[in-house]
Amino acid sequence: MLPLPTVEAFERHLAGLELRFETVVIGGSALALLGVTTRQTRDFDILAPEIPAAITEAARSFAKAQRSLGNVLVDDWLNNGPMQLAEILPPGWELRVRMAFEGQALVLRTLGRDDLLKTKLFALSDRGTDLADCVALGPTAAELEAARHWLEAQDGNPDWPAHVRTTLEDLARRLGHGV
């Protein structure tokens, strides 16, 4: 169901409520908005800012209205789940964001390519998910190597760096980088 038809409908919903929300979205919904993937996603992961109460309520009422139309949309489809990533992304990420959708009531930006790639590679290394998204992003061998240094520093477990290297080597092989 997500993202563009949902984004456009939510834009109209916010406008009708005379609300405005500018945010940074990441995850699968960001990739879909950028045209990197076409897969369905169940939510919008908001990196920043914290979602105001009025917007949370508007998103819930929107979800309820969408369900009455037969669209599957959970109440917390708009969420701050990945908000903690803002604290660990490389400095200056805020200056590298790019536009993903711009309406009158809703403005969605997403991370720049390197930062977005790092979040997807972190999810791949941490949870073993997002392989398809990482492949769709098509990182070069140089991009993987640059991300590796940042990824290795994200967990204090002594086995983490080796795990990151193994994960990235597997991805590099899948991308045909001859590892």
N, C-alpha and C. Protein backbone atom coordinates (compact mmCIF):
# COMPACT_ATOMS: atom_id res chain seq x y z
N MET A 1 0.82 -1.19 0.00
CA MET A 1 0.00 0.00 0.00
C MET A 1 0.86 1.26 0.00
N LEU A 2 1.87 1.31 0.82
CA LEU A 2 2.69 2.50 0.90
C LEU A 2 3.69 2.49 -0.24
N PRO A 3 4.24 3.60 -0.72
CA PRO A 3 4.19 4.88 -0.09
C PRO A 3 3.43 5.97 -0.86
N LEU A 4 3.65 6.18 -2.19
CA LEU A 4 3.18 7.41 -2.82
C LEU A 4 1.67 7.63 -2.72
N PRO A 5 0.82 6.68 -3.06
CA PRO A 5 -0.61 6.96 -2.90
C PRO A 5 -0.97 7.28 -1.44
N THR A 6 -0.32 6.61 -0.51
CA THR A 6 -0.57 6.87 0.90
C THR A 6 -0.07 8.26 1.28
N VAL A 7 1.10 8.62 0.80
CA VAL A 7 1.66 9.94 1.09
C VAL A 7 0.75 11.04 0.57
N GLU A 8 0.30 10.89 -0.66
CA GLU A 8 -0.57 11.90 -1.26
C GLU A 8 -1.90 12.00 -0.51
N ALA A 9 -2.46 10.86 -0.12
CA ALA A 9 -3.71 10.88 0.65
C ALA A 9 -3.50 11.47 2.04
N PHE A 10 -2.37 11.15 2.67
CA PHE A 10 -2.08 11.71 3.99
C PHE A 10 -1.84 13.21 3.88
N GLU A 11 -1.22 13.65 2.81
CA GLU A 11 -1.02 15.08 2.54
C GLU A 11 -2.38 15.79 2.53
N ARG A 12 -3.35 15.22 1.82
CA ARG A 12 -4.69 15.82 1.77
C ARG A 12 -5.36 15.80 3.14
N HIS A 13 -5.16 14.71 3.87
CA HIS A 13 -5.73 14.58 5.22
C HIS A 13 -5.18 15.68 6.14
N LEU A 14 -3.86 15.85 6.12
CA LEU A 14 -3.24 16.90 6.96
C LEU A 14 -3.73 18.29 6.55
N ALA A 15 -3.80 18.53 5.26
CA ALA A 15 -4.27 19.84 4.78
C ALA A 15 -5.69 20.10 5.26
N GLY A 16 -6.53 19.07 5.21
CA GLY A 16 -7.91 19.22 5.69
C GLY A 16 -8.00 19.53 7.17
N LEU A 17 -7.01 19.08 7.93
CA LEU A 17 -6.95 19.36 9.37
C LEU A 17 -6.17 20.64 9.67
N GLU A 18 -5.68 21.28 8.61
CA GLU A 18 -4.86 22.49 8.74
C GLU A 18 -3.60 22.23 9.57
N LEU A 19 -2.99 21.07 9.32
CA LEU A 19 -1.74 20.69 9.97
C LEU A 19 -0.64 20.65 8.93
N ARG A 20 0.60 20.80 9.38
CA ARG A 20 1.77 20.73 8.51
C ARG A 20 2.84 19.93 9.23
N PHE A 21 3.54 19.08 8.47
CA PHE A 21 4.59 18.26 9.06
C PHE A 21 5.75 18.16 8.08
N GLU A 22 6.93 18.54 8.54
CA GLU A 22 8.18 18.40 7.78
C GLU A 22 9.05 17.42 8.54
N THR A 23 9.57 16.41 7.84
CA THR A 23 10.27 15.35 8.53
C THR A 23 11.32 14.68 7.65
N VAL A 24 12.11 13.84 8.29
CA VAL A 24 13.10 13.01 7.59
C VAL A 24 12.65 11.56 7.75
N VAL A 25 12.35 10.93 6.62
CA VAL A 25 11.89 9.54 6.60
C VAL A 25 13.03 8.67 6.09
N ILE A 26 13.17 7.48 6.69
CA ILE A 26 14.20 6.54 6.25
C ILE A 26 13.55 5.18 6.03
N GLY A 27 14.35 4.19 5.76
CA GLY A 27 13.83 2.84 5.62
C GLY A 27 13.28 2.56 4.24
N GLY A 28 12.49 1.50 4.18
CA GLY A 28 11.92 1.05 2.93
C GLY A 28 11.02 2.08 2.27
N SER A 29 10.29 2.85 3.08
CA SER A 29 9.42 3.87 2.50
C SER A 29 10.24 4.95 1.81
N ALA A 30 11.38 5.32 2.38
CA ALA A 30 12.25 6.31 1.73
C ALA A 30 12.76 5.77 0.41
N LEU A 31 13.18 4.51 0.39
CA LEU A 31 13.68 3.91 -0.85
C LEU A 31 12.59 3.87 -1.92
N ALA A 32 11.36 3.58 -1.50
CA ALA A 32 10.25 3.55 -2.46
C ALA A 32 9.96 4.96 -2.99
N LEU A 33 9.96 5.95 -2.11
CA LEU A 33 9.73 7.32 -2.56
C LEU A 33 10.80 7.79 -3.54
N LEU A 34 12.02 7.32 -3.35
CA LEU A 34 13.13 7.70 -4.24
C LEU A 34 13.17 6.87 -5.52
N GLY A 35 12.31 5.85 -5.61
CA GLY A 35 12.28 5.01 -6.78
C GLY A 35 13.35 3.93 -6.80
N VAL A 36 13.99 3.69 -5.66
CA VAL A 36 15.03 2.65 -5.57
C VAL A 36 14.39 1.27 -5.53
N THR A 37 13.26 1.16 -4.83
CA THR A 37 12.55 -0.12 -4.73
C THR A 37 11.08 0.09 -5.08
N THR A 38 10.41 -1.01 -5.32
CA THR A 38 8.97 -0.94 -5.56
C THR A 38 8.23 -1.82 -4.56
N ARG A 39 8.96 -2.38 -3.61
CA ARG A 39 8.31 -3.30 -2.67
C ARG A 39 7.36 -2.55 -1.74
N GLN A 40 6.40 -3.28 -1.23
CA GLN A 40 5.45 -2.73 -0.29
C GLN A 40 6.13 -2.57 1.08
N THR A 41 5.73 -1.58 1.81
CA THR A 41 6.23 -1.38 3.16
C THR A 41 5.04 -1.08 4.05
N ARG A 42 5.14 -1.44 5.31
CA ARG A 42 3.99 -1.28 6.19
C ARG A 42 4.01 -0.01 7.01
N ASP A 43 5.13 0.71 6.99
CA ASP A 43 5.18 1.91 7.83
C ASP A 43 6.14 2.95 7.27
N PHE A 44 6.12 4.10 7.89
CA PHE A 44 7.04 5.19 7.59
C PHE A 44 7.89 5.40 8.83
N ASP A 45 9.18 5.13 8.69
CA ASP A 45 10.12 5.31 9.80
C ASP A 45 10.62 6.74 9.78
N ILE A 46 10.27 7.48 10.82
CA ILE A 46 10.64 8.89 10.92
C ILE A 46 11.89 9.01 11.79
N LEU A 47 12.94 9.55 11.21
CA LEU A 47 14.20 9.75 11.92
C LEU A 47 14.14 10.99 12.79
N ALA A 48 13.64 12.08 12.25
CA ALA A 48 13.60 13.35 12.97
C ALA A 48 12.57 14.24 12.29
N PRO A 49 11.94 15.10 13.02
CA PRO A 49 11.96 15.28 14.46
C PRO A 49 11.00 14.29 15.14
N GLU A 50 10.93 14.38 16.44
CA GLU A 50 9.92 13.60 17.15
C GLU A 50 8.55 14.02 16.62
N ILE A 51 7.71 13.05 16.37
CA ILE A 51 6.40 13.33 15.78
C ILE A 51 5.53 14.04 16.82
N PRO A 52 5.02 15.23 16.51
CA PRO A 52 4.14 15.94 17.44
C PRO A 52 2.84 15.16 17.68
N ALA A 53 2.25 15.34 18.83
CA ALA A 53 1.02 14.63 19.20
C ALA A 53 -0.09 14.85 18.18
N ALA A 54 -0.24 16.06 17.68
CA ALA A 54 -1.31 16.34 16.71
C ALA A 54 -1.11 15.54 15.42
N ILE A 55 0.14 15.35 15.01
CA ILE A 55 0.43 14.59 13.79
C ILE A 55 0.21 13.10 14.05
N THR A 56 0.60 12.63 15.24
CA THR A 56 0.35 11.23 15.59
C THR A 56 -1.13 10.93 15.56
N GLU A 57 -1.93 11.82 16.13
CA GLU A 57 -3.38 11.63 16.14
C GLU A 57 -3.94 11.68 14.72
N ALA A 58 -3.43 12.59 13.90
CA ALA A 58 -3.87 12.68 12.51
C ALA A 58 -3.52 11.40 11.75
N ALA A 59 -2.33 10.85 12.01
CA ALA A 59 -1.92 9.62 11.34
C ALA A 59 -2.80 8.45 11.76
N ARG A 60 -3.18 8.41 13.02
CA ARG A 60 -4.07 7.33 13.49
C ARG A 60 -5.46 7.44 12.88
N SER A 61 -5.99 8.66 12.84
CA SER A 61 -7.32 8.84 12.25
C SER A 61 -7.27 8.54 10.75
N PHE A 62 -6.17 8.89 10.11
CA PHE A 62 -5.98 8.57 8.70
C PHE A 62 -5.95 7.06 8.49
N ALA A 63 -5.22 6.35 9.36
CA ALA A 63 -5.15 4.88 9.25
C ALA A 63 -6.53 4.26 9.40
N LYS A 64 -7.29 4.76 10.33
CA LYS A 64 -8.65 4.25 10.55
C LYS A 64 -9.50 4.47 9.30
N ALA A 65 -9.41 5.67 8.72
CA ALA A 65 -10.17 5.96 7.50
C ALA A 65 -9.72 5.08 6.35
N GLN A 66 -8.42 4.82 6.24
CA GLN A 66 -7.90 3.96 5.18
C GLN A 66 -8.40 2.53 5.34
N ARG A 67 -8.46 2.06 6.59
CA ARG A 67 -8.96 0.70 6.83
C ARG A 67 -10.43 0.59 6.42
N SER A 68 -11.20 1.65 6.63
CA SER A 68 -12.61 1.61 6.24
C SER A 68 -12.76 1.53 4.71
N LEU A 69 -11.71 1.92 3.99
CA LEU A 69 -11.70 1.81 2.52
C LEU A 69 -11.12 0.48 2.04
N GLY A 70 -10.72 -0.37 3.00
CA GLY A 70 -10.16 -1.67 2.65
C GLY A 70 -8.65 -1.69 2.57
N ASN A 71 -8.00 -0.59 2.87
CA ASN A 71 -6.53 -0.53 2.86
C ASN A 71 -6.00 -0.93 4.22
N VAL A 72 -4.98 -1.76 4.22
CA VAL A 72 -4.39 -2.22 5.47
C VAL A 72 -3.35 -1.19 5.91
N LEU A 73 -3.64 -0.52 6.99
CA LEU A 73 -2.72 0.48 7.51
C LEU A 73 -2.84 0.45 9.04
N VAL A 74 -1.75 0.10 9.70
CA VAL A 74 -1.76 0.00 11.16
C VAL A 74 -1.75 1.39 11.78
N ASP A 75 -2.22 1.48 13.01
CA ASP A 75 -2.30 2.79 13.68
C ASP A 75 -0.95 3.49 13.78
N ASP A 76 0.12 2.73 14.01
CA ASP A 76 1.43 3.36 14.18
C ASP A 76 2.26 3.32 12.90
N TRP A 77 1.61 3.44 11.76
CA TRP A 77 2.30 3.40 10.47
C TRP A 77 3.31 4.54 10.34
N LEU A 78 3.06 5.65 11.02
CA LEU A 78 3.98 6.78 11.05
C LEU A 78 4.61 6.76 12.43
N ASN A 79 5.91 6.45 12.50
CA ASN A 79 6.50 6.22 13.82
C ASN A 79 7.94 6.71 13.89
N ASN A 80 8.40 6.92 15.13
CA ASN A 80 9.78 7.34 15.39
C ASN A 80 10.66 6.17 15.80
N GLY A 81 10.34 4.96 15.35
CA GLY A 81 11.12 3.78 15.71
C GLY A 81 12.62 3.93 15.55
N PRO A 82 13.10 4.49 14.45
CA PRO A 82 14.55 4.58 14.25
C PRO A 82 15.18 5.89 14.75
N MET A 83 14.49 6.62 15.58
CA MET A 83 14.95 7.95 15.99
C MET A 83 16.36 7.94 16.59
N GLN A 84 16.74 6.86 17.27
CA GLN A 84 18.06 6.79 17.91
C GLN A 84 19.20 6.80 16.90
N LEU A 85 18.90 6.45 15.65
CA LEU A 85 19.94 6.48 14.62
C LEU A 85 20.49 7.90 14.40
N ALA A 86 19.67 8.90 14.67
CA ALA A 86 20.12 10.29 14.49
C ALA A 86 21.33 10.59 15.36
N GLU A 87 21.46 9.88 16.48
CA GLU A 87 22.57 10.12 17.39
C GLU A 87 23.87 9.46 16.94
N ILE A 88 23.78 8.45 16.07
CA ILE A 88 24.99 7.73 15.68
C ILE A 88 25.39 7.92 14.23
N LEU A 89 24.52 8.54 13.43
CA LEU A 89 24.90 8.81 12.04
C LEU A 89 26.11 9.73 12.00
N PRO A 90 26.88 9.66 10.92
CA PRO A 90 28.04 10.54 10.81
C PRO A 90 27.63 12.01 10.96
N PRO A 91 28.47 12.81 11.60
CA PRO A 91 28.15 14.22 11.81
C PRO A 91 27.80 14.92 10.49
N GLY A 92 26.83 15.81 10.58
CA GLY A 92 26.42 16.59 9.43
C GLY A 92 25.36 15.93 8.56
N TRP A 93 24.82 14.81 9.00
CA TRP A 93 23.81 14.12 8.18
C TRP A 93 22.65 15.05 7.83
N GLU A 94 22.33 15.97 8.76
CA GLU A 94 21.21 16.89 8.55
C GLU A 94 21.44 17.77 7.32
N LEU A 95 22.70 18.04 7.02
CA LEU A 95 23.04 18.90 5.89
C LEU A 95 23.03 18.14 4.56
N ARG A 96 22.96 16.81 4.64
CA ARG A 96 23.01 15.98 3.43
C ARG A 96 21.64 15.40 3.04
N VAL A 97 20.58 15.82 3.72
CA VAL A 97 19.25 15.28 3.39
C VAL A 97 18.82 15.77 2.02
N ARG A 98 17.91 15.01 1.42
CA ARG A 98 17.39 15.39 0.10
C ARG A 98 15.88 15.22 0.08
N MET A 99 15.25 15.93 -0.81
CA MET A 99 13.79 15.92 -0.90
C MET A 99 13.30 14.59 -1.46
N ALA A 100 12.24 14.06 -0.82
CA ALA A 100 11.60 12.84 -1.30
C ALA A 100 10.16 13.11 -1.72
N PHE A 101 9.50 14.07 -1.05
CA PHE A 101 8.13 14.45 -1.38
C PHE A 101 7.89 15.84 -0.81
N GLU A 102 7.28 16.71 -1.61
CA GLU A 102 6.97 18.05 -1.11
C GLU A 102 5.55 18.42 -1.49
N GLY A 103 4.72 18.55 -0.46
CA GLY A 103 3.36 19.01 -0.64
C GLY A 103 3.16 20.27 0.18
N GLN A 104 1.92 20.73 0.25
CA GLN A 104 1.62 21.92 1.04
C GLN A 104 1.62 21.62 2.54
N ALA A 105 1.14 20.45 2.92
CA ALA A 105 1.01 20.11 4.34
C ALA A 105 2.03 19.07 4.79
N LEU A 106 2.69 18.43 3.86
CA LEU A 106 3.63 17.35 4.19
C LEU A 106 4.90 17.48 3.35
N VAL A 107 6.02 17.54 4.03
CA VAL A 107 7.32 17.59 3.37
C VAL A 107 8.15 16.44 3.91
N LEU A 108 8.56 15.55 3.02
CA LEU A 108 9.35 14.38 3.41
C LEU A 108 10.74 14.49 2.78
N ARG A 109 11.73 14.53 3.63
CA ARG A 109 13.12 14.47 3.17
C ARG A 109 13.66 13.12 3.60
N THR A 110 14.75 12.73 3.00
CA THR A 110 15.42 11.50 3.41
C THR A 110 16.92 11.76 3.46
N LEU A 111 17.62 10.83 4.01
CA LEU A 111 19.06 10.96 4.13
C LEU A 111 19.73 10.98 2.77
N GLY A 112 20.90 11.57 2.71
CA GLY A 112 21.72 11.48 1.51
C GLY A 112 22.11 10.02 1.29
N ARG A 113 22.55 9.71 0.09
CA ARG A 113 22.82 8.32 -0.28
C ARG A 113 23.74 7.60 0.70
N ASP A 114 24.88 8.19 1.04
CA ASP A 114 25.83 7.50 1.92
C ASP A 114 25.22 7.20 3.28
N ASP A 115 24.50 8.17 3.83
CA ASP A 115 23.88 7.98 5.15
C ASP A 115 22.74 6.96 5.09
N LEU A 116 21.93 7.03 4.04
CA LEU A 116 20.84 6.07 3.88
C LEU A 116 21.40 4.66 3.71
N LEU A 117 22.46 4.55 2.92
CA LEU A 117 23.12 3.26 2.74
C LEU A 117 23.62 2.72 4.07
N LYS A 118 24.22 3.57 4.87
CA LYS A 118 24.73 3.13 6.18
C LYS A 118 23.60 2.60 7.06
N THR A 119 22.44 3.25 7.05
CA THR A 119 21.32 2.76 7.88
C THR A 119 20.84 1.40 7.39
N LYS A 120 20.81 1.20 6.08
CA LYS A 120 20.38 -0.09 5.54
C LYS A 120 21.42 -1.18 5.82
N LEU A 121 22.69 -0.85 5.69
CA LEU A 121 23.75 -1.82 6.00
C LEU A 121 23.77 -2.15 7.48
N PHE A 122 23.46 -1.18 8.32
CA PHE A 122 23.38 -1.43 9.76
C PHE A 122 22.24 -2.41 10.05
N ALA A 123 21.08 -2.19 9.43
CA ALA A 123 19.96 -3.11 9.62
C ALA A 123 20.32 -4.51 9.13
N LEU A 124 21.01 -4.58 8.00
CA LEU A 124 21.43 -5.88 7.47
C LEU A 124 22.37 -6.57 8.44
N SER A 125 23.33 -5.85 8.97
CA SER A 125 24.30 -6.44 9.90
C SER A 125 23.67 -6.76 11.25
N ASP A 126 22.82 -5.89 11.73
CA ASP A 126 22.25 -6.02 13.07
C ASP A 126 21.13 -7.05 13.14
N ARG A 127 20.21 -7.00 12.18
CA ARG A 127 19.02 -7.85 12.23
C ARG A 127 18.98 -8.92 11.15
N GLY A 128 19.89 -8.82 10.18
CA GLY A 128 19.86 -9.77 9.08
C GLY A 128 18.73 -9.50 8.10
N THR A 129 18.14 -8.31 8.20
CA THR A 129 17.06 -7.94 7.29
C THR A 129 17.60 -6.92 6.29
N ASP A 130 16.77 -6.54 5.35
CA ASP A 130 17.09 -5.47 4.41
C ASP A 130 18.08 -5.85 3.32
N LEU A 131 18.33 -7.15 3.12
CA LEU A 131 19.24 -7.56 2.06
C LEU A 131 18.75 -7.05 0.71
N ALA A 132 17.47 -7.23 0.42
CA ALA A 132 16.94 -6.79 -0.87
C ALA A 132 17.12 -5.29 -1.06
N ASP A 133 16.91 -4.52 0.00
CA ASP A 133 17.09 -3.07 -0.09
C ASP A 133 18.56 -2.72 -0.34
N CYS A 134 19.46 -3.42 0.33
CA CYS A 134 20.89 -3.17 0.13
C CYS A 134 21.31 -3.50 -1.29
N VAL A 135 20.79 -4.60 -1.82
CA VAL A 135 21.09 -4.97 -3.20
C VAL A 135 20.52 -3.91 -4.15
N ALA A 136 19.28 -3.46 -3.87
CA ALA A 136 18.65 -2.45 -4.73
C ALA A 136 19.44 -1.14 -4.74
N LEU A 137 20.04 -0.80 -3.62
CA LEU A 137 20.86 0.42 -3.55
C LEU A 137 22.13 0.27 -4.39
N GLY A 138 22.56 -0.97 -4.61
CA GLY A 138 23.71 -1.24 -5.48
C GLY A 138 24.99 -0.53 -5.08
N PRO A 139 25.39 -0.65 -3.82
CA PRO A 139 26.62 0.04 -3.42
C PRO A 139 27.85 -0.49 -4.16
N THR A 140 28.76 0.40 -4.44
CA THR A 140 30.03 0.01 -5.06
C THR A 140 30.91 -0.62 -3.99
N ALA A 141 31.97 -1.27 -4.42
CA ALA A 141 32.92 -1.84 -3.47
C ALA A 141 33.51 -0.73 -2.59
N ALA A 142 33.77 0.42 -3.17
CA ALA A 142 34.31 1.55 -2.40
C ALA A 142 33.31 2.04 -1.37
N GLU A 143 32.03 2.08 -1.72
CA GLU A 143 31.00 2.51 -0.76
C GLU A 143 30.89 1.52 0.39
N LEU A 144 30.97 0.23 0.08
CA LEU A 144 30.92 -0.78 1.14
C LEU A 144 32.11 -0.64 2.08
N GLU A 145 33.27 -0.41 1.52
CA GLU A 145 34.48 -0.26 2.35
C GLU A 145 34.37 0.98 3.22
N ALA A 146 33.89 2.07 2.66
CA ALA A 146 33.74 3.31 3.44
C ALA A 146 32.72 3.11 4.57
N ALA A 147 31.64 2.40 4.29
CA ALA A 147 30.61 2.17 5.31
C ALA A 147 31.11 1.21 6.39
N ARG A 148 31.99 0.29 6.01
CA ARG A 148 32.47 -0.72 6.96
C ARG A 148 33.07 -0.08 8.20
N HIS A 149 33.87 0.94 8.04
CA HIS A 149 34.52 1.57 9.19
C HIS A 149 33.49 2.14 10.16
N TRP A 150 32.47 2.79 9.63
CA TRP A 150 31.41 3.34 10.48
C TRP A 150 30.63 2.21 11.14
N LEU A 151 30.27 1.18 10.37
CA LEU A 151 29.49 0.07 10.91
C LEU A 151 30.22 -0.66 12.04
N GLU A 152 31.51 -0.88 11.87
CA GLU A 152 32.28 -1.61 12.89
C GLU A 152 32.28 -0.89 14.23
N ALA A 153 32.10 0.41 14.22
CA ALA A 153 32.12 1.20 15.46
C ALA A 153 30.76 1.26 16.15
N GLN A 154 29.73 0.64 15.60
CA GLN A 154 28.38 0.80 16.12
C GLN A 154 27.97 -0.20 17.19
N ASP A 155 28.83 -1.13 17.53
CA ASP A 155 28.48 -2.12 18.55
C ASP A 155 29.75 -2.47 19.31
N GLY A 156 29.64 -2.54 20.62
CA GLY A 156 30.80 -2.84 21.46
C GLY A 156 31.14 -4.31 21.57
N ASN A 157 30.30 -5.18 21.04
CA ASN A 157 30.57 -6.61 21.10
C ASN A 157 31.88 -6.89 20.35
N PRO A 158 32.82 -7.62 20.99
CA PRO A 158 34.09 -7.87 20.32
C PRO A 158 33.96 -8.67 19.02
N ASP A 159 32.87 -9.39 18.84
CA ASP A 159 32.66 -10.16 17.61
C ASP A 159 32.01 -9.33 16.50
N TRP A 160 31.53 -8.15 16.85
CA TRP A 160 30.80 -7.31 15.89
C TRP A 160 31.61 -6.97 14.63
N PRO A 161 32.84 -6.47 14.74
CA PRO A 161 33.58 -6.10 13.52
C PRO A 161 33.72 -7.27 12.54
N ALA A 162 34.00 -8.47 13.04
CA ALA A 162 34.13 -9.63 12.16
C ALA A 162 32.78 -9.95 11.51
N HIS A 163 31.71 -9.83 12.28
CA HIS A 163 30.37 -10.06 11.75
C HIS A 163 30.06 -9.06 10.64
N VAL A 164 30.40 -7.80 10.85
CA VAL A 164 30.17 -6.77 9.84
C VAL A 164 30.95 -7.11 8.57
N ARG A 165 32.21 -7.47 8.72
CA ARG A 165 33.02 -7.80 7.55
C ARG A 165 32.42 -8.98 6.77
N THR A 166 32.00 -10.02 7.48
CA THR A 166 31.39 -11.18 6.83
C THR A 166 30.11 -10.78 6.10
N THR A 167 29.29 -9.98 6.74
CA THR A 167 28.03 -9.52 6.14
C THR A 167 28.29 -8.72 4.88
N LEU A 168 29.25 -7.79 4.95
CA LEU A 168 29.55 -6.95 3.79
C LEU A 168 30.22 -7.75 2.67
N GLU A 169 31.04 -8.73 3.03
CA GLU A 169 31.66 -9.59 2.01
C GLU A 169 30.59 -10.39 1.27
N ASP A 170 29.60 -10.89 2.02
CA ASP A 170 28.50 -11.62 1.38
C ASP A 170 27.74 -10.70 0.43
N LEU A 171 27.44 -9.50 0.88
CA LEU A 171 26.74 -8.55 0.02
C LEU A 171 27.58 -8.21 -1.21
N ALA A 172 28.86 -7.99 -1.02
CA ALA A 172 29.74 -7.66 -2.14
C ALA A 172 29.74 -8.79 -3.18
N ARG A 173 29.76 -10.04 -2.72
CA ARG A 173 29.70 -11.18 -3.64
C ARG A 173 28.39 -11.16 -4.42
N ARG A 174 27.29 -10.93 -3.72
CA ARG A 174 25.99 -10.89 -4.37
C ARG A 174 25.90 -9.77 -5.43
N LEU A 175 26.65 -8.71 -5.18
CA LEU A 175 26.66 -7.57 -6.11
C LEU A 175 27.69 -7.74 -7.22
N GLY A 176 28.45 -8.84 -7.15
CA GLY A 176 29.43 -9.10 -8.18
C GLY A 176 30.71 -8.31 -8.05
N HIS A 177 31.07 -7.96 -6.82
CA HIS A 177 32.29 -7.19 -6.60
C HIS A 177 33.54 -8.06 -6.44
N GLY A 178 33.40 -9.35 -6.69
CA GLY A 178 34.55 -10.25 -6.74
C GLY A 178 35.31 -10.42 -5.44
N VAL A 179 34.60 -10.44 -4.35
CA VAL A 179 35.26 -10.65 -3.05
C VAL A 179 35.57 -12.11 -2.86
